[in-house]
C-alpha cells in the first residue's frame, strides 16, 4: 500500500475551504456598503440640484418680470422646472413680491 506524501489533515482542508469563502463574503460586503454610500450621495445631490434649479428659476423670474413668483406652480409652468412630487416636498414661502422667497426641498 502506497502512502501519499501530500496528506492533509481535516483542519487544513477546512481552512483551505473557509478562507476563500470568507474572502468572498468580505468583498461582497464592501461592494454592498459602497453601493449604499453611492445611493445616499446621489439622493443628497438630487436634493441640492433641485433646490438650486428652483432658486435659479426664481431669480430669473425676478430679473425678467421684476417680481418673484407667487407660487411654485408658476415656476414649474413657466421656467421648465420638473418636480417629482412623489419623491420631494418643496417648501416655497413668499413674503412679498420683491423679497426672495424661502425655498426648501425635503425628500419624502
C-alpha atoms as a PDB file:
ATOM      1  CA  UNK A   1       0.000   0.000   0.000  1.00  0.00           C
ATOM      2  CA  UNK A   2       1.342   3.375  -1.026  1.00  0.00           C
ATOM      3  CA  UNK A   3       1.194   6.388   1.179  1.00  0.00           C
ATOM      4  CA  UNK A   4       0.776   9.840  -0.223  1.00  0.00           C
ATOM      5  CA  UNK A   5       3.270  12.464   0.746  1.00  0.00           C
ATOM      6  CA  UNK A   6       0.531  15.077   0.328  1.00  0.00           C
ATOM      7  CA  UNK A   7      -1.526  14.051   3.335  1.00  0.00           C
ATOM      8  CA  UNK A   8      -3.684  16.825   4.663  1.00  0.00           C
ATOM      9  CA  UNK A   9      -5.355  16.971   7.971  1.00  0.00           C
ATOM     10  CA  UNK A  10      -9.063  17.721   8.202  1.00  0.00           C
ATOM     11  CA  UNK A  11      -8.257  21.102   9.749  1.00  0.00           C
ATOM     12  CA  UNK A  12      -6.101  22.015   6.770  1.00  0.00           C
ATOM     13  CA  UNK A  13      -8.830  21.033   4.325  1.00  0.00           C
ATOM     14  CA  UNK A  14     -11.437  23.050   6.218  1.00  0.00           C
ATOM     15  CA  UNK A  15      -9.117  26.036   6.426  1.00  0.00           C
ATOM     16  CA  UNK A  16      -8.437  25.936   2.705  1.00  0.00           C
ATOM     17  CA  UNK A  17     -12.207  25.916   2.048  1.00  0.00           C
ATOM     18  CA  UNK A  18     -13.187  28.557   4.603  1.00  0.00           C
ATOM     19  CA  UNK A  19     -10.620  31.227   3.694  1.00  0.00           C
ATOM     20  CA  UNK A  20     -11.888  31.760   0.112  1.00  0.00           C
ATOM     21  CA  UNK A  21     -15.486  31.831   1.344  1.00  0.00           C
ATOM     22  CA  UNK A  22     -14.676  34.449   3.992  1.00  0.00           C
ATOM     23  CA  UNK A  23     -12.738  36.494   1.455  1.00  0.00           C
ATOM     24  CA  UNK A  24     -15.672  36.388  -0.986  1.00  0.00           C
ATOM     25  CA  UNK A  25     -18.123  37.425   1.745  1.00  0.00           C
ATOM     26  CA  UNK A  26     -15.849  40.305   2.770  1.00  0.00           C
ATOM     27  CA  UNK A  27     -15.619  41.555  -0.825  1.00  0.00           C
ATOM     28  CA  UNK A  28     -19.393  41.288  -1.252  1.00  0.00           C
ATOM     29  CA  UNK A  29     -19.907  43.227   1.983  1.00  0.00           C
ATOM     30  CA  UNK A  30     -17.633  46.017   0.761  1.00  0.00           C
ATOM     31  CA  UNK A  31     -19.490  46.197  -2.564  1.00  0.00           C
ATOM     32  CA  UNK A  32     -22.876  46.436  -0.828  1.00  0.00           C
ATOM     33  CA  UNK A  33     -21.556  49.137   1.508  1.00  0.00           C
ATOM     34  CA  UNK A  34     -20.183  51.088  -1.443  1.00  0.00           C
ATOM     35  CA  UNK A  35     -23.499  50.897  -3.275  1.00  0.00           C
ATOM     36  CA  UNK A  36     -25.362  52.191  -0.221  1.00  0.00           C
ATOM     37  CA  UNK A  37     -22.935  55.097   0.150  1.00  0.00           C
ATOM     38  CA  UNK A  38     -23.312  55.941  -3.539  1.00  0.00           C
ATOM     39  CA  UNK A  39     -27.100  55.887  -3.263  1.00  0.00           C
ATOM     40  CA  UNK A  40     -27.032  58.226  -0.250  1.00  0.00           C
ATOM     41  CA  UNK A  41     -24.716  60.632  -2.061  1.00  0.00           C
ATOM     42  CA  UNK A  42     -26.977  60.520  -5.119  1.00  0.00           C
ATOM     43  CA  UNK A  43     -30.024  61.433  -3.025  1.00  0.00           C
ATOM     44  CA  UNK A  44     -28.220  64.355  -1.421  1.00  0.00           C
ATOM     45  CA  UNK A  45     -27.047  65.585  -4.810  1.00  0.00           C
ATOM     46  CA  UNK A  46     -30.574  65.321  -6.270  1.00  0.00           C
ATOM     47  CA  UNK A  47     -31.922  67.482  -3.439  1.00  0.00           C
ATOM     48  CA  UNK A  48     -29.202  70.083  -3.965  1.00  0.00           C
ATOM     49  CA  UNK A  49     -29.698  70.170  -7.731  1.00  0.00           C
ATOM     50  CA  UNK A  50     -33.474  70.603  -7.450  1.00  0.00           C
ATOM     51  CA  UNK A  51     -33.169  73.364  -4.863  1.00  0.00           C
ATOM     52  CA  UNK A  52     -30.526  75.174  -6.935  1.00  0.00           C
ATOM     53  CA  UNK A  53     -32.680  74.855 -10.068  1.00  0.00           C
ATOM     54  CA  UNK A  54     -35.684  76.333  -8.304  1.00  0.00           C
ATOM     55  CA  UNK A  55     -33.589  79.210  -6.913  1.00  0.00           C
ATOM     56  CA  UNK A  56     -32.138  79.962 -10.353  1.00  0.00           C
ATOM     57  CA  UNK A  57     -35.609  79.954 -11.909  1.00  0.00           C
ATOM     58  CA  UNK A  58     -36.950  82.259  -9.182  1.00  0.00           C
ATOM     59  CA  UNK A  59     -34.067  84.701  -9.646  1.00  0.00           C
ATOM     60  CA  UNK A  60     -34.535  84.567 -13.433  1.00  0.00           C
ATOM     61  CA  UNK A  61     -38.219  85.341 -12.969  1.00  0.00           C
ATOM     62  CA  UNK A  62     -37.310  88.347 -10.817  1.00  0.00           C
ATOM     63  CA  UNK A  63     -34.823  89.553 -13.430  1.00  0.00           C
ATOM     64  CA  UNK A  64     -37.329  89.213 -16.282  1.00  0.00           C
ATOM     65  CA  UNK A  65     -40.611  90.182 -14.632  1.00  0.00           C
ATOM     66  CA  UNK A  66     -39.419  92.399 -11.763  1.00  0.00           C
ATOM     67  CA  UNK A  67     -41.081  90.247  -9.101  1.00  0.00           C
ATOM     68  CA  UNK A  68     -40.653  86.864  -7.526  1.00  0.00           C
ATOM     69  CA  UNK A  69     -43.209  84.180  -8.486  1.00  0.00           C
ATOM     70  CA  UNK A  70     -46.232  83.855  -6.209  1.00  0.00           C
ATOM     71  CA  UNK A  71     -46.290  80.045  -6.259  1.00  0.00           C
ATOM     72  CA  UNK A  72     -44.038  77.135  -7.068  1.00  0.00           C
ATOM     73  CA  UNK A  73     -46.598  76.061  -9.679  1.00  0.00           C
ATOM     74  CA  UNK A  74     -45.847  79.274 -11.599  1.00  0.00           C
ATOM     75  CA  UNK A  75     -42.148  78.359 -11.583  1.00  0.00           C
ATOM     76  CA  UNK A  76     -42.922  74.849 -12.854  1.00  0.00           C
ATOM     77  CA  UNK A  77     -45.160  76.082 -15.661  1.00  0.00           C
ATOM     78  CA  UNK A  78     -43.048  78.967 -16.940  1.00  0.00           C
ATOM     79  CA  UNK A  79     -39.440  78.017 -16.257  1.00  0.00           C
ATOM     80  CA  UNK A  80     -39.209  74.315 -17.205  1.00  0.00           C
ATOM     81  CA  UNK A  81     -38.674  73.042 -13.685  1.00  0.00           C
ATOM     82  CA  UNK A  82     -39.870  69.474 -13.139  1.00  0.00           C
ATOM     83  CA  UNK A  83     -40.516  68.484  -9.525  1.00  0.00           C
ATOM     84  CA  UNK A  84     -41.131  64.839  -8.693  1.00  0.00           C
ATOM     85  CA  UNK A  85     -43.838  65.414  -6.080  1.00  0.00           C
ATOM     86  CA  UNK A  86     -43.852  61.720  -5.165  1.00  0.00           C
ATOM     87  CA  UNK A  87     -40.201  61.962  -4.135  1.00  0.00           C
ATOM     88  CA  UNK A  88     -39.784  65.539  -2.874  1.00  0.00           C
ATOM     89  CA  UNK A  89     -41.594  68.087  -0.724  1.00  0.00           C
ATOM     90  CA  UNK A  90     -40.938  71.694  -1.725  1.00  0.00           C
ATOM     91  CA  UNK A  91     -41.491  74.441   0.826  1.00  0.00           C
ATOM     92  CA  UNK A  92     -41.956  77.739  -1.007  1.00  0.00           C
ATOM     93  CA  UNK A  93     -42.874  80.695   1.180  1.00  0.00           C
ATOM     94  CA  UNK A  94     -43.056  84.203  -0.218  1.00  0.00           C
ATOM     95  CA  UNK A  95     -43.351  87.300   1.963  1.00  0.00           C
ATOM     96  CA  UNK A  96     -43.539  89.994  -0.718  1.00  0.00           C
ATOM     97  CA  UNK A  97     -43.045  90.171  -4.457  1.00  0.00           C
ATOM     98  CA  UNK A  98     -39.708  91.993  -4.046  1.00  0.00           C
ATOM     99  CA  UNK A  99     -38.252  89.772  -1.275  1.00  0.00           C
ATOM    100  CA  UNK A 100     -36.515  86.493  -2.098  1.00  0.00           C
ATOM    101  CA  UNK A 101     -38.823  83.622  -1.095  1.00  0.00           C
ATOM    102  CA  UNK A 102     -37.824  80.926   1.364  1.00  0.00           C
ATOM    103  CA  UNK A 103     -37.167  77.718  -0.601  1.00  0.00           C
ATOM    104  CA  UNK A 104     -36.515  74.334   0.999  1.00  0.00           C
ATOM    105  CA  UNK A 105     -36.547  70.884  -0.637  1.00  0.00           C
ATOM    106  CA  UNK A 106     -37.042  67.776   1.515  1.00  0.00           C
ATOM    107  CA  UNK A 107     -37.052  64.143   0.472  1.00  0.00           C
ATOM    108  CA  UNK A 108     -40.208  62.212   1.363  1.00  0.00           C
END
